[in-house]
PDB file of N, CA and C in Angstrom:
ATOM      1  N   MET A   1     -85.149  53.924 175.170  1.00  0.00           N
ATOM      2  CA  MET A   1     -85.163  55.357 175.071  1.00  0.00           C
ATOM      3  C   MET A   1     -85.831  55.734 173.755  1.00  0.00           C
ATOM      4  N   THR A   2     -86.694  56.701 173.810  1.00  0.00           N
ATOM      5  CA  THR A   2     -87.336  57.157 172.585  1.00  0.00           C
ATOM      6  C   THR A   2     -86.742  58.497 172.162  1.00  0.00           C
ATOM      7  N   PHE A   3     -86.905  58.807 170.900  1.00  0.00           N
ATOM      8  CA  PHE A   3     -86.353  60.017 170.327  1.00  0.00           C
ATOM      9  C   PHE A   3     -87.479  60.890 169.780  1.00  0.00           C
ATOM     10  N   GLY A   4     -88.361  61.326 170.661  1.00  0.00           N
ATOM     11  CA  GLY A   4     -89.460  62.195 170.248  1.00  0.00           C
ATOM     12  C   GLY A   4     -90.294  61.552 169.158  1.00  0.00           C
ATOM     13  N   ASN A   5     -90.483  62.253 168.074  1.00  0.00           N
ATOM     14  CA  ASN A   5     -91.290  61.757 166.962  1.00  0.00           C
ATOM     15  C   ASN A   5     -90.562  60.691 166.154  1.00  0.00           C
ATOM     16  N   GLU A   6     -89.266  60.496 166.425  1.00  0.00           N
ATOM     17  CA  GLU A   6     -88.472  59.530 165.664  1.00  0.00           C
ATOM     18  C   GLU A   6     -88.671  58.091 166.143  1.00  0.00           C
ATOM     19  N   GLY A   7     -89.317  57.881 167.263  1.00  0.00           N
ATOM     20  CA  GLY A   7     -89.524  56.539 167.789  1.00  0.00           C
ATOM     21  C   GLY A   7     -88.351  56.069 168.625  1.00  0.00           C
ATOM     22  N   LYS A   8     -88.215  54.762 168.736  1.00  0.00           N
ATOM     23  CA  LYS A   8     -87.161  54.178 169.569  1.00  0.00           C
ATOM     24  C   LYS A   8     -85.799  54.287 168.900  1.00  0.00           C
ATOM     25  N   ALA A   9     -84.761  54.300 169.745  1.00  0.00           N
ATOM     26  CA  ALA A   9     -83.388  54.310 169.237  1.00  0.00           C
ATOM     27  C   ALA A   9     -83.137  53.011 168.478  1.00  0.00           C
ATOM     28  N   LYS A  10     -82.357  53.087 167.428  1.00  0.00           N
ATOM     29  CA  LYS A  10     -82.056  51.909 166.613  1.00  0.00           C
ATOM     30  C   LYS A  10     -80.950  51.053 167.203  1.00  0.00           C
ATOM     31  N   SER A  11     -80.141  51.628 168.104  1.00  0.00           N
ATOM     32  CA  SER A  11     -79.018  50.877 168.674  1.00  0.00           C
ATOM     33  C   SER A  11     -78.571  51.505 169.990  1.00  0.00           C
ATOM     34  N   ASN A  12     -77.747  50.778 170.729  1.00  0.00           N
ATOM     35  CA  ASN A  12     -77.163  51.332 171.952  1.00  0.00           C
ATOM     36  C   ASN A  12     -76.290  52.532 171.613  1.00  0.00           C
ATOM     37  N   GLY A  13     -75.576  52.428 170.480  1.00  0.00           N
ATOM     38  CA  GLY A  13     -74.716  53.528 170.058  1.00  0.00           C
ATOM     39  C   GLY A  13     -75.491  54.815 169.854  1.00  0.00           C
ATOM     40  N   GLU A  14     -76.689  54.710 169.297  1.00  0.00           N
ATOM     41  CA  GLU A  14     -77.530  55.883 169.089  1.00  0.00           C
ATOM     42  C   GLU A  14     -77.932  56.491 170.438  1.00  0.00           C
ATOM     43  N   GLN A  15     -78.208  55.646 171.418  1.00  0.00           N
ATOM     44  CA  GLN A  15     -78.547  56.138 172.757  1.00  0.00           C
ATOM     45  C   GLN A  15     -77.352  56.854 173.376  1.00  0.00           C
ATOM     46  N   VAL A  16     -76.168  56.257 173.241  1.00  0.00           N
ATOM     47  CA  VAL A  16     -74.956  56.857 173.803  1.00  0.00           C
ATOM     48  C   VAL A  16     -74.690  58.214 173.150  1.00  0.00           C
ATOM     49  N   GLU A  17     -74.809  58.285 171.836  1.00  0.00           N
ATOM     50  CA  GLU A  17     -74.590  59.552 171.138  1.00  0.00           C
ATOM     51  C   GLU A  17     -75.527  60.639 171.647  1.00  0.00           C
ATOM     52  N   LYS A  18     -76.780  60.284 171.885  1.00  0.00           N
ATOM     53  CA  LYS A  18     -77.741  61.269 172.372  1.00  0.00           C
ATOM     54  C   LYS A  18     -77.375  61.726 173.781  1.00  0.00           C
ATOM     55  N   MET A  19     -76.997  60.790 174.639  1.00  0.00           N
ATOM     56  CA  MET A  19     -76.640  61.159 176.010  1.00  0.00           C
ATOM     57  C   MET A  19     -75.386  62.030 176.046  1.00  0.00           C
ATOM     58  N   ILE A  20     -74.429  61.741 175.183  1.00  0.00           N
ATOM     59  CA  ILE A  20     -73.221  62.575 175.109  1.00  0.00           C
ATOM     60  C   ILE A  20     -73.588  63.981 174.650  1.00  0.00           C
ATOM     61  N   ARG A  21     -74.449  64.077 173.627  1.00  0.00           N
ATOM     62  CA  ARG A  21     -74.874  65.395 173.141  1.00  0.00           C
ATOM     63  C   ARG A  21     -75.568  66.187 174.240  1.00  0.00           C
ATOM     64  N   ILE A  22     -76.479  65.532 174.973  1.00  0.00           N
ATOM     65  CA  ILE A  22     -77.196  66.208 176.056  1.00  0.00           C
ATOM     66  C   ILE A  22     -76.218  66.655 177.137  1.00  0.00           C
ATOM     67  N   GLY A  23     -75.301  65.773 177.513  1.00  0.00           N
ATOM     68  CA  GLY A  23     -74.306  66.132 178.528  1.00  0.00           C
ATOM     69  C   GLY A  23     -73.480  67.334 178.111  1.00  0.00           C
ATOM     70  N   ARG A  24     -73.023  67.332 176.861  1.00  0.00           N
ATOM     71  CA  ARG A  24     -72.218  68.458 176.370  1.00  0.00           C
ATOM     72  C   ARG A  24     -73.031  69.745 176.344  1.00  0.00           C
ATOM     73  N   GLU A  25     -74.308  69.657 176.002  1.00  0.00           N
ATOM     74  CA  GLU A  25     -75.172  70.846 176.028  1.00  0.00           C
ATOM     75  C   GLU A  25     -75.295  71.402 177.437  1.00  0.00           C
ATOM     76  N   LEU A  26     -75.134  70.542 178.431  1.00  0.00           N
ATOM     77  CA  LEU A  26     -75.203  70.965 179.841  1.00  0.00           C
ATOM     78  C   LEU A  26     -73.827  71.320 180.397  1.00  0.00           C
ATOM     79  N   GLY A  27     -72.802  71.314 179.527  1.00  0.00           N
ATOM     80  CA  GLY A  27     -71.456  71.687 179.961  1.00  0.00           C
ATOM     81  C   GLY A  27     -70.655  70.544 180.548  1.00  0.00           C
ATOM     82  N   LEU A  28     -71.072  69.309 180.303  1.00  0.00           N
ATOM     83  CA  LEU A  28     -70.372  68.143 180.833  1.00  0.00           C
ATOM     84  C   LEU A  28     -69.631  67.430 179.706  1.00  0.00           C
ATOM     85  N   GLU A  29     -68.496  66.852 180.026  1.00  0.00           N
ATOM     86  CA  GLU A  29     -67.731  66.094 179.044  1.00  0.00           C
ATOM     87  C   GLU A  29     -67.695  64.642 179.508  1.00  0.00           C
ATOM     88  N   PRO A  30     -67.964  63.688 178.609  1.00  0.00           N
ATOM     89  CA  PRO A  30     -67.958  62.282 179.024  1.00  0.00           C
ATOM     90  C   PRO A  30     -66.554  61.820 179.393  1.00  0.00           C
ATOM     91  N   ALA A  31     -66.495  60.853 180.279  1.00  0.00           N
ATOM     92  CA  ALA A  31     -65.211  60.272 180.677  1.00  0.00           C
ATOM     93  C   ALA A  31     -64.653  59.442 179.525  1.00  0.00           C
ATOM     94  N   THR A  32     -63.332  59.414 179.435  1.00  0.00           N
ATOM     95  CA  THR A  32     -62.687  58.518 178.476  1.00  0.00           C
ATOM     96  C   THR A  32     -62.800  57.097 179.028  1.00  0.00           C
ATOM     97  N   PRO A  33     -62.542  56.079 178.204  1.00  0.00           N
ATOM     98  CA  PRO A  33     -62.572  54.713 178.736  1.00  0.00           C
ATOM     99  C   PRO A  33     -61.637  54.520 179.931  1.00  0.00           C
ATOM    100  N   ASP A  34     -60.432  55.078 179.868  1.00  0.00           N
ATOM    101  CA  ASP A  34     -59.492  54.953 180.995  1.00  0.00           C
ATOM    102  C   ASP A  34     -60.015  55.662 182.240  1.00  0.00           C
ATOM    103  N   GLU A  35     -60.593  56.845 182.070  1.00  0.00           N
ATOM    104  CA  GLU A  35     -61.164  57.571 183.209  1.00  0.00           C
ATOM    105  C   GLU A  35     -62.329  56.791 183.814  1.00  0.00           C
ATOM    106  N   ALA A  36     -63.173  56.213 182.971  1.00  0.00           N
ATOM    107  CA  ALA A  36     -64.314  55.437 183.461  1.00  0.00           C
ATOM    108  C   ALA A  36     -63.842  54.224 184.258  1.00  0.00           C
ATOM    109  N   ARG A  37     -62.803  53.532 183.779  1.00  0.00           N
ATOM    110  CA  ARG A  37     -62.260  52.386 184.526  1.00  0.00           C
ATOM    111  C   ARG A  37     -61.779  52.811 185.907  1.00  0.00           C
ATOM    112  N   THR A  38     -61.091  53.946 185.966  1.00  0.00           N
ATOM    113  CA  THR A  38     -60.596  54.450 187.250  1.00  0.00           C
ATOM    114  C   THR A  38     -61.761  54.810 188.176  1.00  0.00           C
ATOM    115  N   ILE A  39     -62.739  55.524 187.653  1.00  0.00           N
ATOM    116  CA  ILE A  39     -63.906  55.933 188.443  1.00  0.00           C
ATOM    117  C   ILE A  39     -64.630  54.708 189.005  1.00  0.00           C
ATOM    118  N   LEU A  40     -64.770  53.672 188.173  1.00  0.00           N
ATOM    119  CA  LEU A  40     -65.512  52.473 188.571  1.00  0.00           C
ATOM    120  C   LEU A  40     -64.640  51.424 189.263  1.00  0.00           C
ATOM    121  N   GLY A  41     -63.338  51.689 189.336  1.00  0.00           N
ATOM    122  CA  GLY A  41     -62.429  50.743 189.997  1.00  0.00           C
ATOM    123  C   GLY A  41     -62.260  49.452 189.218  1.00  0.00           C
ATOM    124  N   LEU A  42     -62.271  49.537 187.880  1.00  0.00           N
ATOM    125  CA  LEU A  42     -62.134  48.349 187.040  1.00  0.00           C
ATOM    126  C   LEU A  42     -60.696  48.168 186.593  1.00  0.00           C
ATOM    127  N   LYS A  43     -60.329  46.922 186.307  1.00  0.00           N
ATOM    128  CA  LYS A  43     -59.014  46.620 185.773  1.00  0.00           C
ATOM    129  C   LYS A  43     -58.996  46.950 184.285  1.00  0.00           C
ATOM    130  N   GLY A  44     -57.834  47.283 183.795  1.00  0.00           N
ATOM    131  CA  GLY A  44     -57.686  47.475 182.364  1.00  0.00           C
ATOM    132  C   GLY A  44     -57.519  46.136 181.685  1.00  0.00           C
ATOM    133  N   LEU A  45     -57.686  46.097 180.387  1.00  0.00           N
ATOM    134  CA  LEU A  45     -57.585  44.865 179.620  1.00  0.00           C
ATOM    135  C   LEU A  45     -56.222  44.199 179.802  1.00  0.00           C
ATOM    136  N   ASP A  46     -55.191  45.016 179.989  1.00  0.00           N
ATOM    137  CA  ASP A  46     -53.844  44.477 180.161  1.00  0.00           C
ATOM    138  C   ASP A  46     -53.668  43.748 181.500  1.00  0.00           C
ATOM    139  N   GLN A  47     -54.610  43.903 182.415  1.00  0.00           N
ATOM    140  CA  GLN A  47     -54.517  43.262 183.735  1.00  0.00           C
ATOM    141  C   GLN A  47     -55.455  42.073 183.892  1.00  0.00           C
ATOM    142  N   VAL A  48     -56.169  41.746 182.840  1.00  0.00           N
ATOM    143  CA  VAL A  48     -57.122  40.627 182.876  1.00  0.00           C
ATOM    144  C   VAL A  48     -56.558  39.483 182.047  1.00  0.00           C
ATOM    145  N   LYS A  49     -56.605  38.279 182.605  1.00  0.00           N
ATOM    146  CA  LYS A  49     -56.075  37.115 181.894  1.00  0.00           C
ATOM    147  C   LYS A  49     -57.223  36.369 181.208  1.00  0.00           C
ATOM    148  N   TYR A  50     -57.244  36.428 179.887  1.00  0.00           N
ATOM    149  CA  TYR A  50     -58.260  35.730 179.113  1.00  0.00           C
ATOM    150  C   TYR A  50     -57.619  34.654 178.288  1.00  0.00           C
TER     151      TYR A  50
END
């Protein structure tokens, strides 16, 4: 992902921050980690045996 005249993003975190900002500007709120797990049907860390 590029940032206009700023060039490429320096990290994944920078990309995520930009996408969150854009979403909020459009009236959307990002899912929390727990909400994302539910949406994607993933187990929580407490249910995984490592």
